[in-house]
Amino acid sequence: MNNVLHIYTRVSTNSQEEEGTSLETQFELGVQRAEKLGMSYGQWNEGGRSSSKDDLSNRPILFNLLEGMDLGNIEHLYARNTYRLFRNIKTWGMIRLKIASDSLIN
């Protein structure tokens, strides 16, 4: 079994990325969760990218993460909240199709 928690971090704008600590906080919370679960971890940092588009053309990190899920290389996913992954129903539907039933989302 793959015992790695993949931590996805993203903020909505470049200014939030430069001025805020949200990316760091998201990652720290993911690390805490991994440690609580006895897992190692890896970070997938999208930086300051909007989630308003219906596709993932502006979010290459998330695209690669989901591709890793398709290939069976990634089993466990952590995002601080679902808004880090999506903001519209079309994108959520696409992501849900890729998430295996045994993946961890929180």
Protein backbone atom coordinates (compact mmCIF):
# COMPACT_ATOMS: atom_id res chain seq x y z
CA MET A 1 0.00 0.00 0.00
CA ASN A 2 1.18 3.50 -0.86
CA ASN A 3 1.60 5.27 2.48
CA VAL A 4 2.13 8.81 1.18
CA LEU A 5 -0.29 11.67 1.78
CA HIS A 6 -0.14 14.05 -1.17
CA ILE A 7 -0.77 17.59 0.06
CA TYR A 8 -2.22 20.00 -2.50
CA THR A 9 -1.78 23.71 -1.75
CA ARG A 10 -3.12 26.69 -3.67
CA VAL A 11 -4.25 30.26 -3.17
CA SER A 12 -6.43 32.21 -5.57
CA THR A 13 -4.13 35.08 -6.53
CA ASN A 14 -0.46 35.90 -6.87
CA SER A 15 -0.81 38.65 -4.26
CA GLN A 16 -2.13 36.12 -1.72
CA GLU A 17 0.85 33.93 -2.53
CA GLU A 18 3.32 36.77 -1.96
CA GLU A 19 1.66 38.50 1.00
CA GLY A 20 -0.14 35.75 2.89
CA THR A 21 0.89 32.66 4.77
CA SER A 22 -1.96 30.54 3.51
CA LEU A 23 0.20 28.23 1.39
CA GLU A 24 2.47 27.59 4.34
CA THR A 25 -0.48 27.04 6.68
CA GLN A 26 -2.16 24.64 4.25
CA PHE A 27 1.05 22.63 4.00
CA GLU A 28 1.64 22.58 7.76
CA LEU A 29 -1.90 21.30 8.35
CA GLY A 30 -1.35 18.59 5.76
CA VAL A 31 1.90 17.54 7.43
CA GLN A 32 0.11 17.36 10.78
CA ARG A 33 -2.55 15.12 9.22
CA ALA A 34 0.09 12.87 7.64
CA GLU A 35 1.90 12.52 10.96
CA LYS A 36 -1.38 11.74 12.75
CA LEU A 37 -2.05 9.00 10.19
CA GLY A 38 1.51 7.66 10.37
CA MET A 39 2.14 8.55 6.72
CA SER A 40 4.93 10.25 4.87
CA TYR A 41 3.96 13.22 2.72
CA GLY A 42 4.66 15.13 -0.43
CA GLN A 43 3.64 18.64 -1.44
CA TRP A 44 1.97 19.71 -4.66
CA ASN A 45 2.16 23.51 -4.53
CA GLU A 46 0.12 25.30 -7.20
CA GLY A 47 0.98 28.72 -5.79
CA GLY A 48 -1.33 31.56 -6.77
CA ARG A 49 -3.74 30.16 -9.35
CA SER A 50 -7.44 30.82 -9.83
CA SER A 51 -9.86 27.88 -9.72
CA SER A 52 -12.61 29.64 -11.66
CA LYS A 53 -12.01 27.96 -15.04
CA ASP A 54 -14.00 24.89 -16.07
CA ASP A 55 -10.86 23.00 -17.02
CA LEU A 56 -7.44 22.69 -15.47
CA SER A 57 -5.50 24.49 -18.21
CA ASN A 58 -4.28 27.10 -15.74
CA ARG A 59 -3.48 24.58 -12.97
CA PRO A 60 -0.73 22.24 -14.19
CA ILE A 61 0.15 20.97 -10.71
CA LEU A 62 -3.38 19.72 -10.04
CA PHE A 63 -3.54 18.28 -13.55
CA ASN A 64 -0.35 16.28 -12.89
CA LEU A 65 -1.61 15.21 -9.47
CA LEU A 66 -4.83 13.86 -10.97
CA GLU A 67 -2.88 12.17 -13.74
CA GLY A 68 -0.85 10.42 -11.04
CA MET A 69 -4.11 9.19 -9.54
CA ASP A 70 -5.17 7.85 -12.94
CA LEU A 71 -1.90 5.94 -13.19
CA GLY A 72 -2.30 4.50 -9.68
CA ASN A 73 0.78 6.31 -8.35
CA ILE A 74 -1.22 8.49 -5.96
CA GLU A 75 -3.74 7.05 -3.52
CA HIS A 76 -4.15 9.62 -0.74
CA LEU A 77 -4.92 13.30 -1.25
CA TYR A 78 -5.16 16.12 1.28
CA ALA A 79 -6.47 19.60 0.56
CA ARG A 80 -7.21 22.05 3.35
CA ASN A 81 -10.71 22.48 1.95
CA THR A 82 -12.45 21.64 -1.29
CA TYR A 83 -12.11 25.22 -2.56
CA ARG A 84 -8.41 24.51 -3.03
CA LEU A 85 -9.44 21.90 -5.61
CA PHE A 86 -12.47 23.44 -7.31
CA ARG A 87 -14.97 26.30 -7.32
CA ASN A 88 -17.50 25.04 -9.85
CA ILE A 89 -19.56 21.91 -10.32
CA LYS A 90 -18.01 20.93 -13.67
CA THR A 91 -14.48 20.86 -12.27
CA TRP A 92 -15.65 19.04 -9.13
CA GLY A 93 -17.33 16.38 -11.26
CA MET A 94 -14.14 15.87 -13.25
CA ILE A 95 -12.06 15.58 -10.07
CA ARG A 96 -14.53 13.21 -8.40
CA LEU A 97 -14.26 10.82 -11.33
CA LYS A 98 -10.53 10.60 -10.77
CA ILE A 99 -10.60 10.08 -7.03
CA ALA A 100 -10.59 6.43 -6.03
CA SER A 101 -12.96 5.34 -3.30
CA ASP A 102 -10.06 4.61 -0.95
CA SER A 103 -8.47 8.06 -1.37
CA LEU A 104 -8.43 10.38 1.58
CA ILE A 105 -9.90 13.83 1.12
CA ASN A 106 -10.20 16.31 3.94
